[in-house]
């Protein structure tokens, strides 16, 4: 809540057709990185061309469908505001109910991702083996879905919280495990999103589940544009109303707690308290000035001397 910008937000979902699943299974890291890049390229392009602003997004990768099939797509939370070329904040969107034309976004996203995949596969001499999959993807209609404005920041946090750290299936959806088969509930979107039981052989269930294990150290939540952490810190004050004083602005953006206070709140341990007597407190006596080592000429970092008061 503290990190979201005070503006309306839209929920935009970028999906890719199933013919590209062959490329995804061949090299997940490459495919998902290019998918993120194509999504942000599309959002940034439409921000510039439609409103003349540098916009932003919080993007979350999702790889599964209701029946555990491979269905990569990216959920984006996009603020209805941006930083204009003349250096001013500008609220965008049509009365808060419209942001970008989804049909044009679909075509732009399709062109960017397929072009990026072709270039990457050619560099790796792997383009011929995926030629038919790419050609089929060109013929397929792509879908970008944009939901109405999510309004305040509390709606953004509530929605993102459902998708950030989920696995492909939860225990609550599993109905039965017996006779080497697994039965679970899944929504059938071809039949009005009605929940129906799905039964899979145990081996097939595990195969589908492992499709959604991401590469080691892969980052599936990414921040772009004005939601990039460094850029956001520099621009955040410009959302404050003009009639507020400088002192009020500074006070409003001060952290609510220090790092030591956060550690104590989360762990219940005060790192400055003596672990033996539980009463003494470590305090800074003095700081050593920076010096230059006679051996290698590198500057040493400032050190601190501490002691325990009883």
C-alpha atoms as a PDB file:
ATOM      1  CA  UNK A   1       0.000   0.000   0.000  1.00  0.00           C
ATOM      2  CA  UNK A   2       2.826   2.376   0.887  1.00  0.00           C
ATOM      3  CA  UNK A   3       4.583   1.775  -2.458  1.00  0.00           C
ATOM      4  CA  UNK A   4       1.637   2.217  -4.825  1.00  0.00           C
ATOM      5  CA  UNK A   5       1.178   5.503  -6.633  1.00  0.00           C
ATOM      6  CA  UNK A   6      -2.020   7.488  -5.878  1.00  0.00           C
ATOM      7  CA  UNK A   7      -3.701   6.986  -9.246  1.00  0.00           C
ATOM      8  CA  UNK A   8      -6.294   4.732 -10.830  1.00  0.00           C
ATOM      9  CA  UNK A   9      -4.983   1.432 -12.171  1.00  0.00           C
ATOM     10  CA  UNK A  10      -6.014  -0.916 -14.972  1.00  0.00           C
ATOM     11  CA  UNK A  11      -5.644  -4.689 -15.107  1.00  0.00           C
ATOM     12  CA  UNK A  12      -4.268  -5.815 -18.492  1.00  0.00           C
ATOM     13  CA  UNK A  13      -3.602  -9.479 -19.361  1.00  0.00           C
ATOM     14  CA  UNK A  14      -1.301 -10.493 -22.219  1.00  0.00           C
ATOM     15  CA  UNK A  15      -1.808 -14.066 -23.487  1.00  0.00           C
ATOM     16  CA  UNK A  16       0.042 -16.048 -26.157  1.00  0.00           C
ATOM     17  CA  UNK A  17      -1.311 -18.831 -28.413  1.00  0.00           C
ATOM     18  CA  UNK A  18      -0.560 -22.488 -27.703  1.00  0.00           C
ATOM     19  CA  UNK A  19       1.618 -23.112 -30.809  1.00  0.00           C
ATOM     20  CA  UNK A  20       4.417 -21.223 -29.038  1.00  0.00           C
ATOM     21  CA  UNK A  21       4.398 -23.701 -26.134  1.00  0.00           C
ATOM     22  CA  UNK A  22       7.008 -25.756 -28.014  1.00  0.00           C
ATOM     23  CA  UNK A  23       9.430 -22.833 -27.857  1.00  0.00           C
ATOM     24  CA  UNK A  24       8.590 -22.289 -24.186  1.00  0.00           C
ATOM     25  CA  UNK A  25       9.300 -25.912 -23.261  1.00  0.00           C
ATOM     26  CA  UNK A  26      12.584 -25.815 -25.175  1.00  0.00           C
ATOM     27  CA  UNK A  27      13.981 -22.800 -23.292  1.00  0.00           C
ATOM     28  CA  UNK A  28      11.799 -21.371 -20.534  1.00  0.00           C
ATOM     29  CA  UNK A  29      14.232 -18.678 -19.417  1.00  0.00           C
ATOM     30  CA  UNK A  30      14.648 -17.246 -22.906  1.00  0.00           C
ATOM     31  CA  UNK A  31      10.933 -17.424 -23.690  1.00  0.00           C
ATOM     32  CA  UNK A  32       9.695 -15.795 -20.484  1.00  0.00           C
ATOM     33  CA  UNK A  33      12.295 -13.006 -20.605  1.00  0.00           C
ATOM     34  CA  UNK A  34      11.282 -12.161 -24.182  1.00  0.00           C
ATOM     35  CA  UNK A  35       7.625 -12.308 -23.116  1.00  0.00           C
ATOM     36  CA  UNK A  36       8.213  -9.718 -20.364  1.00  0.00           C
ATOM     37  CA  UNK A  37      10.179  -7.519 -22.782  1.00  0.00           C
ATOM     38  CA  UNK A  38       7.422  -7.649 -25.423  1.00  0.00           C
ATOM     39  CA  UNK A  39       4.748  -6.766 -22.850  1.00  0.00           C
ATOM     40  CA  UNK A  40       6.611  -3.713 -21.594  1.00  0.00           C
ATOM     41  CA  UNK A  41       7.535  -2.628 -25.136  1.00  0.00           C
ATOM     42  CA  UNK A  42       3.832  -2.657 -26.042  1.00  0.00           C
ATOM     43  CA  UNK A  43       2.681  -0.754 -22.952  1.00  0.00           C
ATOM     44  CA  UNK A  44       5.444   1.819 -23.279  1.00  0.00           C
ATOM     45  CA  UNK A  45       4.752   2.312 -27.002  1.00  0.00           C
ATOM     46  CA  UNK A  46       1.036   2.923 -26.439  1.00  0.00           C
ATOM     47  CA  UNK A  47       1.749   5.295 -23.561  1.00  0.00           C
ATOM     48  CA  UNK A  48       3.900   7.421 -25.868  1.00  0.00           C
ATOM     49  CA  UNK A  49       1.696   7.255 -28.970  1.00  0.00           C
ATOM     50  CA  UNK A  50      -1.707   7.771 -27.293  1.00  0.00           C
ATOM     51  CA  UNK A  51      -0.914  10.128 -24.428  1.00  0.00           C
ATOM     52  CA  UNK A  52       2.697  11.239 -24.817  1.00  0.00           C
ATOM     53  CA  UNK A  53       3.747   9.892 -21.414  1.00  0.00           C
ATOM     54  CA  UNK A  54       6.185   7.442 -19.887  1.00  0.00           C
ATOM     55  CA  UNK A  55       3.868   5.042 -18.109  1.00  0.00           C
ATOM     56  CA  UNK A  56       4.674   1.984 -15.992  1.00  0.00           C
ATOM     57  CA  UNK A  57       3.505  -1.440 -14.912  1.00  0.00           C
ATOM     58  CA  UNK A  58       3.772  -4.141 -12.275  1.00  0.00           C
ATOM     59  CA  UNK A  59       3.878  -7.434 -14.199  1.00  0.00           C
ATOM     60  CA  UNK A  60       3.302 -10.941 -12.798  1.00  0.00           C
ATOM     61  CA  UNK A  61       3.962 -14.102 -14.808  1.00  0.00           C
ATOM     62  CA  UNK A  62       1.334 -16.851 -14.760  1.00  0.00           C
ATOM     63  CA  UNK A  63       2.015 -20.132 -16.562  1.00  0.00           C
ATOM     64  CA  UNK A  64      -0.960 -22.413 -15.876  1.00  0.00           C
ATOM     65  CA  UNK A  65      -4.566 -22.878 -16.847  1.00  0.00           C
ATOM     66  CA  UNK A  66      -7.301 -24.352 -14.647  1.00  0.00           C
ATOM     67  CA  UNK A  67      -6.529 -27.919 -15.781  1.00  0.00           C
ATOM     68  CA  UNK A  68      -2.761 -27.430 -15.167  1.00  0.00           C
ATOM     69  CA  UNK A  69      -2.025 -27.131 -18.886  1.00  0.00           C
ATOM     70  CA  UNK A  70       0.784 -24.842 -20.019  1.00  0.00           C
ATOM     71  CA  UNK A  71      -0.782 -21.431 -20.595  1.00  0.00           C
ATOM     72  CA  UNK A  72       1.797 -18.627 -20.184  1.00  0.00           C
ATOM     73  CA  UNK A  73       0.332 -15.164 -19.709  1.00  0.00           C
ATOM     74  CA  UNK A  74       1.270 -11.977 -17.887  1.00  0.00           C
ATOM     75  CA  UNK A  75      -0.991  -9.969 -15.578  1.00  0.00           C
ATOM     76  CA  UNK A  76      -0.176  -6.255 -15.540  1.00  0.00           C
ATOM     77  CA  UNK A  77      -1.286  -3.515 -13.188  1.00  0.00           C
ATOM     78  CA  UNK A  78      -0.954  -0.285 -15.161  1.00  0.00           C
ATOM     79  CA  UNK A  79      -1.405   3.179 -13.561  1.00  0.00           C
ATOM     80  CA  UNK A  80      -3.660   5.650 -15.359  1.00  0.00           C
ATOM     81  CA  UNK A  81      -0.947   8.299 -15.178  1.00  0.00           C
ATOM     82  CA  UNK A  82       2.462   8.991 -16.622  1.00  0.00           C
ATOM     83  CA  UNK A  83       5.365  11.386 -16.915  1.00  0.00           C
ATOM     84  CA  UNK A  84       4.963  13.610 -19.970  1.00  0.00           C
ATOM     85  CA  UNK A  85       7.704  14.764 -22.316  1.00  0.00           C
ATOM     86  CA  UNK A  86       7.557  18.306 -20.947  1.00  0.00           C
ATOM     87  CA  UNK A  87       8.312  17.015 -17.444  1.00  0.00           C
ATOM     88  CA  UNK A  88       4.846  16.985 -15.865  1.00  0.00           C
ATOM     89  CA  UNK A  89       2.547  14.334 -14.489  1.00  0.00           C
ATOM     90  CA  UNK A  90      -0.461  13.595 -16.637  1.00  0.00           C
ATOM     91  CA  UNK A  91      -3.477  11.460 -15.802  1.00  0.00           C
ATOM     92  CA  UNK A  92      -4.488   9.310 -18.761  1.00  0.00           C
ATOM     93  CA  UNK A  93      -7.467   7.215 -19.797  1.00  0.00           C
ATOM     94  CA  UNK A  94     -10.985   8.075 -20.916  1.00  0.00           C
ATOM     95  CA  UNK A  95     -12.962   8.916 -17.764  1.00  0.00           C
ATOM     96  CA  UNK A  96     -11.213   6.069 -15.998  1.00  0.00           C
ATOM     97  CA  UNK A  97     -12.985   3.373 -18.062  1.00  0.00           C
ATOM     98  CA  UNK A  98     -10.713   3.140 -21.086  1.00  0.00           C
ATOM     99  CA  UNK A  99      -6.930   3.087 -21.447  1.00  0.00           C
ATOM    100  CA  UNK A 100      -5.692   1.617 -24.749  1.00  0.00           C
ATOM    101  CA  UNK A 101      -7.429  -0.034 -27.757  1.00  0.00           C
ATOM    102  CA  UNK A 102      -6.979  -3.752 -27.086  1.00  0.00           C
ATOM    103  CA  UNK A 103      -7.143  -4.856 -30.741  1.00  0.00           C
ATOM    104  CA  UNK A 104      -4.249  -2.588 -31.669  1.00  0.00           C
ATOM    105  CA  UNK A 105      -2.341  -3.714 -28.579  1.00  0.00           C
ATOM    106  CA  UNK A 106      -2.837  -7.356 -29.570  1.00  0.00           C
ATOM    107  CA  UNK A 107      -1.310  -6.784 -33.003  1.00  0.00           C
ATOM    108  CA  UNK A 108       1.614  -4.761 -31.629  1.00  0.00           C
ATOM    109  CA  UNK A 109       2.314  -7.359 -28.932  1.00  0.00           C
ATOM    110  CA  UNK A 110       2.094 -10.193 -31.465  1.00  0.00           C
ATOM    111  CA  UNK A 111       4.545  -8.546 -33.846  1.00  0.00           C
ATOM    112  CA  UNK A 112       7.070  -7.667 -31.145  1.00  0.00           C
ATOM    113  CA  UNK A 113       7.153 -11.082 -29.454  1.00  0.00           C
ATOM    114  CA  UNK A 114       7.339 -13.112 -32.676  1.00  0.00           C
ATOM    115  CA  UNK A 115      10.061 -10.865 -34.078  1.00  0.00           C
ATOM    116  CA  UNK A 116      12.058 -11.185 -30.834  1.00  0.00           C
ATOM    117  CA  UNK A 117      11.677 -14.972 -30.839  1.00  0.00           C
ATOM    118  CA  UNK A 118      12.809 -15.247 -34.465  1.00  0.00           C
ATOM    119  CA  UNK A 119      15.904 -13.130 -33.805  1.00  0.00           C
ATOM    120  CA  UNK A 120      16.819 -15.071 -30.663  1.00  0.00           C
ATOM    121  CA  UNK A 121      16.326 -18.486 -32.295  1.00  0.00           C
ATOM    122  CA  UNK A 122      18.361 -17.489 -35.346  1.00  0.00           C
ATOM    123  CA  UNK A 123      21.270 -16.461 -33.114  1.00  0.00           C
ATOM    124  CA  UNK A 124      21.134 -19.910 -31.498  1.00  0.00           C
ATOM    125  CA  UNK A 125      20.743 -21.700 -34.878  1.00  0.00           C
ATOM    126  CA  UNK A 126      17.411 -23.136 -33.674  1.00  0.00           C
ATOM    127  CA  UNK A 127      14.992 -21.291 -35.927  1.00  0.00           C
ATOM    128  CA  UNK A 128      14.365 -24.141 -38.445  1.00  0.00           C
ATOM    129  CA  UNK A 129      13.058 -26.563 -35.803  1.00  0.00           C
ATOM    130  CA  UNK A 130      10.436 -24.032 -34.606  1.00  0.00           C
ATOM    131  CA  UNK A 131       9.582 -22.534 -38.000  1.00  0.00           C
ATOM    132  CA  UNK A 132       6.189 -24.269 -38.244  1.00  0.00           C
ATOM    133  CA  UNK A 133       5.218 -23.229 -34.682  1.00  0.00           C
ATOM    134  CA  UNK A 134       6.021 -19.579 -35.393  1.00  0.00           C
ATOM    135  CA  UNK A 135       4.146 -19.624 -38.687  1.00  0.00           C
ATOM    136  CA  UNK A 136       1.088 -21.087 -36.981  1.00  0.00           C
ATOM    137  CA  UNK A 137       1.315 -18.397 -34.283  1.00  0.00           C
ATOM    138  CA  UNK A 138       1.319 -15.716 -37.005  1.00  0.00           C
ATOM    139  CA  UNK A 139      -1.999 -17.084 -38.315  1.00  0.00           C
ATOM    140  CA  UNK A 140      -3.592 -17.236 -34.856  1.00  0.00           C
ATOM    141  CA  UNK A 141      -5.613 -14.402 -33.352  1.00  0.00           C
ATOM    142  CA  UNK A 142      -3.909 -13.033 -30.236  1.00  0.00           C
ATOM    143  CA  UNK A 143      -5.823 -11.686 -27.241  1.00  0.00           C
ATOM    144  CA  UNK A 144      -4.966  -8.816 -24.906  1.00  0.00           C
ATOM    145  CA  UNK A 145      -7.631  -8.272 -22.250  1.00  0.00           C
ATOM    146  CA  UNK A 146      -8.055  -4.956 -20.434  1.00  0.00           C
ATOM    147  CA  UNK A 147     -10.439  -4.751 -17.485  1.00  0.00           C
ATOM    148  CA  UNK A 148     -11.952  -1.463 -16.252  1.00  0.00           C
ATOM    149  CA  UNK A 149     -10.081   0.711 -13.797  1.00  0.00           C
ATOM    150  CA  UNK A 150      -9.226  -0.886 -10.474  1.00  0.00           C
ATOM    151  CA  UNK A 151      -9.549   2.553  -8.821  1.00  0.00           C
ATOM    152  CA  UNK A 152      -7.553   3.013  -5.609  1.00  0.00           C
ATOM    153  CA  UNK A 153      -4.328   1.394  -4.491  1.00  0.00           C
ATOM    154  CA  UNK A 154      -6.123  -0.958  -2.095  1.00  0.00           C
ATOM    155  CA  UNK A 155      -7.727  -2.739  -5.055  1.00  0.00           C
ATOM    156  CA  UNK A 156      -4.327  -3.143  -6.709  1.00  0.00           C
ATOM    157  CA  UNK A 157      -2.770  -4.717  -3.629  1.00  0.00           C
ATOM    158  CA  UNK A 158      -5.763  -6.994  -3.065  1.00  0.00           C
ATOM    159  CA  UNK A 159      -5.698  -8.266  -6.626  1.00  0.00           C
ATOM    160  CA  UNK A 160      -1.930  -8.728  -6.930  1.00  0.00           C
ATOM    161  CA  UNK A 161      -1.862 -10.596  -3.642  1.00  0.00           C
ATOM    162  CA  UNK A 162      -3.829 -13.416  -5.240  1.00  0.00           C
ATOM    163  CA  UNK A 163      -1.207 -14.080  -7.919  1.00  0.00           C
ATOM    164  CA  UNK A 164       2.246 -13.324  -6.563  1.00  0.00           C
ATOM    165  CA  UNK A 165       3.226 -16.504  -4.711  1.00  0.00           C
ATOM    166  CA  UNK A 166       0.722 -19.150  -5.782  1.00  0.00           C
ATOM    167  CA  UNK A 167       1.654 -22.546  -7.148  1.00  0.00           C
ATOM    168  CA  UNK A 168      -0.143 -24.235 -10.028  1.00  0.00           C
ATOM    169  CA  UNK A 169      -2.762 -25.872  -7.792  1.00  0.00           C
ATOM    170  CA  UNK A 170      -3.741 -25.642  -4.124  1.00  0.00           C
ATOM    171  CA  UNK A 171      -4.706 -28.470  -1.787  1.00  0.00           C
ATOM    172  CA  UNK A 172      -8.271 -27.181  -1.581  1.00  0.00           C
ATOM    173  CA  UNK A 173      -8.869 -27.991  -5.259  1.00  0.00           C
ATOM    174  CA  UNK A 174      -7.759 -31.626  -4.951  1.00  0.00           C
ATOM    175  CA  UNK A 175     -10.788 -33.843  -4.318  1.00  0.00           C
ATOM    176  CA  UNK A 176      -9.324 -37.356  -4.292  1.00  0.00           C
ATOM    177  CA  UNK A 177      -6.090 -39.310  -4.737  1.00  0.00           C
ATOM    178  CA  UNK A 178      -6.760 -43.010  -5.234  1.00  0.00           C
ATOM    179  CA  UNK A 179      -5.901 -45.865  -7.595  1.00  0.00           C
ATOM    180  CA  UNK A 180      -2.997 -43.976  -9.119  1.00  0.00           C
ATOM    181  CA  UNK A 181      -5.273 -41.123 -10.203  1.00  0.00           C
ATOM    182  CA  UNK A 182      -5.806 -37.552  -9.025  1.00  0.00           C
ATOM    183  CA  UNK A 183      -9.161 -35.773  -9.179  1.00  0.00           C
ATOM    184  CA  UNK A 184      -9.375 -31.999  -8.770  1.00  0.00           C
ATOM    185  CA  UNK A 185     -11.802 -29.165  -9.483  1.00  0.00           C
ATOM    186  CA  UNK A 186     -11.264 -26.856 -12.439  1.00  0.00           C
ATOM    187  CA  UNK A 187     -13.276 -24.136 -14.169  1.00  0.00           C
ATOM    188  CA  UNK A 188     -14.387 -24.978 -17.694  1.00  0.00           C
ATOM    189  CA  UNK A 189     -14.220 -21.609 -19.474  1.00  0.00           C
ATOM    190  CA  UNK A 190     -15.697 -23.174 -22.633  1.00  0.00           C
ATOM    191  CA  UNK A 191     -18.858 -23.888 -20.644  1.00  0.00           C
ATOM    192  CA  UNK A 192     -19.434 -20.626 -18.814  1.00  0.00           C
ATOM    193  CA  UNK A 193     -16.624 -21.116 -16.243  1.00  0.00           C
ATOM    194  CA  UNK A 194     -18.567 -23.913 -14.526  1.00  0.00           C
ATOM    195  CA  UNK A 195     -16.497 -25.861 -12.007  1.00  0.00           C
ATOM    196  CA  UNK A 196     -16.104 -29.509 -12.998  1.00  0.00           C
ATOM    197  CA  UNK A 197     -14.028 -32.407 -11.640  1.00  0.00           C
ATOM    198  CA  UNK A 198     -10.985 -33.403 -13.703  1.00  0.00           C
ATOM    199  CA  UNK A 199      -9.323 -36.816 -13.276  1.00  0.00           C
ATOM    200  CA  UNK A 200      -5.752 -37.412 -14.423  1.00  0.00           C
ATOM    201  CA  UNK A 201      -3.358 -40.307 -14.182  1.00  0.00           C
ATOM    202  CA  UNK A 202      -0.820 -39.674 -11.429  1.00  0.00           C
ATOM    203  CA  UNK A 203       2.098 -39.488 -13.853  1.00  0.00           C
ATOM    204  CA  UNK A 204       0.232 -37.048 -16.109  1.00  0.00           C
ATOM    205  CA  UNK A 205      -0.724 -34.930 -13.085  1.00  0.00           C
ATOM    206  CA  UNK A 206       2.928 -34.655 -12.032  1.00  0.00           C
ATOM    207  CA  UNK A 207       4.019 -33.931 -15.608  1.00  0.00           C
ATOM    208  CA  UNK A 208       1.602 -31.023 -15.842  1.00  0.00           C
ATOM    209  CA  UNK A 209       2.547 -29.737 -12.400  1.00  0.00           C
ATOM    210  CA  UNK A 210       6.289 -29.671 -13.199  1.00  0.00           C
ATOM    211  CA  UNK A 211       5.611 -27.634 -16.352  1.00  0.00           C
ATOM    212  CA  UNK A 212       5.143 -24.653 -14.054  1.00  0.00           C
ATOM    213  CA  UNK A 213       8.410 -24.930 -12.129  1.00  0.00           C
ATOM    214  CA  UNK A 214      10.278 -21.799 -13.228  1.00  0.00           C
ATOM    215  CA  UNK A 215      14.028 -21.700 -13.924  1.00  0.00           C
ATOM    216  CA  UNK A 216      16.223 -21.228 -10.873  1.00  0.00           C
ATOM    217  CA  UNK A 217      16.400 -17.605  -9.664  1.00  0.00           C
ATOM    218  CA  UNK A 218      13.897 -16.478 -12.287  1.00  0.00           C
ATOM    219  CA  UNK A 219      12.101 -13.255 -11.309  1.00  0.00           C
ATOM    220  CA  UNK A 220       8.384 -13.562 -12.056  1.00  0.00           C
ATOM    221  CA  UNK A 221       7.320 -10.168 -10.623  1.00  0.00           C
ATOM    222  CA  UNK A 222       8.821  -7.205 -12.464  1.00  0.00           C
ATOM    223  CA  UNK A 223       8.462  -3.427 -12.253  1.00  0.00           C
ATOM    224  CA  UNK A 224       8.651  -1.206 -15.337  1.00  0.00           C
ATOM    225  CA  UNK A 225       8.686   2.512 -16.149  1.00  0.00           C
ATOM    226  CA  UNK A 226       7.466   4.766 -13.358  1.00  0.00           C
ATOM    227  CA  UNK A 227       7.110   1.673 -11.136  1.00  0.00           C
ATOM    228  CA  UNK A 228      10.800   0.910 -11.481  1.00  0.00           C
ATOM    229  CA  UNK A 229      12.036   1.363  -7.906  1.00  0.00           C
ATOM    230  CA  UNK A 230      14.731   3.978  -8.649  1.00  0.00           C
ATOM    231  CA  UNK A 231      12.652   6.074 -11.036  1.00  0.00           C
ATOM    232  CA  UNK A 232       9.583   5.856  -8.796  1.00  0.00           C
ATOM    233  CA  UNK A 233      11.471   7.233  -5.794  1.00  0.00           C
ATOM    234  CA  UNK A 234      12.653  10.217  -7.826  1.00  0.00           C
ATOM    235  CA  UNK A 235       9.207  11.039  -9.212  1.00  0.00           C
ATOM    236  CA  UNK A 236       6.905  10.084  -6.364  1.00  0.00           C
ATOM    237  CA  UNK A 237       6.786  13.550  -4.747  1.00  0.00           C
ATOM    238  CA  UNK A 238       5.223  15.026  -7.868  1.00  0.00           C
ATOM    239  CA  UNK A 239       1.961  13.258  -7.002  1.00  0.00           C
ATOM    240  CA  UNK A 240       1.649  15.347  -3.824  1.00  0.00           C
ATOM    241  CA  UNK A 241      -0.871  18.174  -4.097  1.00  0.00           C
ATOM    242  CA  UNK A 242       0.631  21.538  -4.965  1.00  0.00           C
ATOM    243  CA  UNK A 243      -0.815  23.330  -1.924  1.00  0.00           C
ATOM    244  CA  UNK A 244       1.166  21.217   0.556  1.00  0.00           C
ATOM    245  CA  UNK A 245       4.275  22.719   2.117  1.00  0.00           C
ATOM    246  CA  UNK A 246       7.758  21.283   1.620  1.00  0.00           C
ATOM    247  CA  UNK A 247       7.816  20.128   5.246  1.00  0.00           C
ATOM    248  CA  UNK A 248       4.539  18.263   4.813  1.00  0.00           C
ATOM    249  CA  UNK A 249       5.825  16.559   1.672  1.00  0.00           C
ATOM    250  CA  UNK A 250       8.994  15.377   3.374  1.00  0.00           C
ATOM    251  CA  UNK A 251       7.090  14.146   6.421  1.00  0.00           C
ATOM    252  CA  UNK A 252       4.554  12.277   4.284  1.00  0.00           C
ATOM    253  CA  UNK A 253       7.314  10.303   2.559  1.00  0.00           C
ATOM    254  CA  UNK A 254       9.443   9.487   5.589  1.00  0.00           C
ATOM    255  CA  UNK A 255       9.687   5.731   6.266  1.00  0.00           C
ATOM    256  CA  UNK A 256       7.300   4.586   8.976  1.00  0.00           C
ATOM    257  CA  UNK A 257      10.051   2.608  10.734  1.00  0.00           C
ATOM    258  CA  UNK A 258      13.801   2.179  10.664  1.00  0.00           C
ATOM    259  CA  UNK A 259      15.562  -0.973   9.445  1.00  0.00           C
ATOM    260  CA  UNK A 260      16.375  -2.005  13.014  1.00  0.00           C
ATOM    261  CA  UNK A 261      12.758  -1.498  14.076  1.00  0.00           C
ATOM    262  CA  UNK A 262      11.589  -3.610  11.126  1.00  0.00           C
ATOM    263  CA  UNK A 263      13.986  -6.437  12.075  1.00  0.00           C
ATOM    264  CA  UNK A 264      12.731  -6.365  15.668  1.00  0.00           C
ATOM    265  CA  UNK A 265       9.089  -6.359  14.538  1.00  0.00           C
ATOM    266  CA  UNK A 266       9.543  -9.302  12.185  1.00  0.00           C
ATOM    267  CA  UNK A 267      11.870 -11.456  14.290  1.00  0.00           C
ATOM    268  CA  UNK A 268      11.121 -10.348  17.833  1.00  0.00           C
ATOM    269  CA  UNK A 269      14.872  -9.842  18.368  1.00  0.00           C
ATOM    270  CA  UNK A 270      16.543  -6.494  18.970  1.00  0.00           C
ATOM    271  CA  UNK A 271      19.967  -6.772  17.243  1.00  0.00           C
ATOM    272  CA  UNK A 272      21.350  -3.961  19.400  1.00  0.00           C
ATOM    273  CA  UNK A 273      20.563  -5.712  22.701  1.00  0.00           C
ATOM    274  CA  UNK A 274      23.189  -7.832  24.455  1.00  0.00           C
ATOM    275  CA  UNK A 275      22.349 -11.513  23.799  1.00  0.00           C
ATOM    276  CA  UNK A 276      23.785 -12.521  27.218  1.00  0.00           C
ATOM    277  CA  UNK A 277      22.337 -10.180  29.835  1.00  0.00           C
ATOM    278  CA  UNK A 278      19.347  -9.098  27.693  1.00  0.00           C
ATOM    279  CA  UNK A 279      19.657  -5.598  29.194  1.00  0.00           C
ATOM    280  CA  UNK A 280      22.805  -4.023  27.797  1.00  0.00           C
ATOM    281  CA  UNK A 281      22.461  -2.132  24.536  1.00  0.00           C
ATOM    282  CA  UNK A 282      25.062  -1.769  21.806  1.00  0.00           C
ATOM    283  CA  UNK A 283      25.737   1.907  21.028  1.00  0.00           C
ATOM    284  CA  UNK A 284      28.069   3.686  18.595  1.00  0.00           C
ATOM    285  CA  UNK A 285      31.025   5.275  20.403  1.00  0.00           C
ATOM    286  CA  UNK A 286      32.725   6.901  17.432  1.00  0.00           C
ATOM    287  CA  UNK A 287      33.312   6.444  13.716  1.00  0.00           C
ATOM    288  CA  UNK A 288      36.745   5.912  12.251  1.00  0.00           C
ATOM    289  CA  UNK A 289      37.585   8.375   9.440  1.00  0.00           C
ATOM    290  CA  UNK A 290      38.255   7.071   5.953  1.00  0.00           C
ATOM    291  CA  UNK A 291      41.915   6.214   5.432  1.00  0.00           C
ATOM    292  CA  UNK A 292      43.987   5.154   2.446  1.00  0.00           C
ATOM    293  CA  UNK A 293      45.801   1.863   2.695  1.00  0.00           C
ATOM    294  CA  UNK A 294      49.578   2.157   2.115  1.00  0.00           C
ATOM    295  CA  UNK A 295      49.569  -1.248   0.371  1.00  0.00           C
ATOM    296  CA  UNK A 296      46.999  -1.012  -2.391  1.00  0.00           C
ATOM    297  CA  UNK A 297      45.750   2.568  -2.258  1.00  0.00           C
ATOM    298  CA  UNK A 298      42.094   1.584  -1.818  1.00  0.00           C
ATOM    299  CA  UNK A 299      39.922   3.639   0.515  1.00  0.00           C
ATOM    300  CA  UNK A 300      38.669   1.709   3.526  1.00  0.00           C
ATOM    301  CA  UNK A 301      35.049   2.004   4.545  1.00  0.00           C
ATOM    302  CA  UNK A 302      34.031   3.834   7.695  1.00  0.00           C
ATOM    303  CA  UNK A 303      33.957   1.544  10.712  1.00  0.00           C
ATOM    304  CA  UNK A 304      32.038   1.800  13.962  1.00  0.00           C
ATOM    305  CA  UNK A 305      33.054   0.811  17.476  1.00  0.00           C
ATOM    306  CA  UNK A 306      30.339  -0.469  19.758  1.00  0.00           C
ATOM    307  CA  UNK A 307      30.150  -1.455  23.404  1.00  0.00           C
ATOM    308  CA  UNK A 308      27.603  -2.925  25.750  1.00  0.00           C
ATOM    309  CA  UNK A 309      26.212  -0.730  28.483  1.00  0.00           C
ATOM    310  CA  UNK A 310      25.065  -2.461  31.643  1.00  0.00           C
END
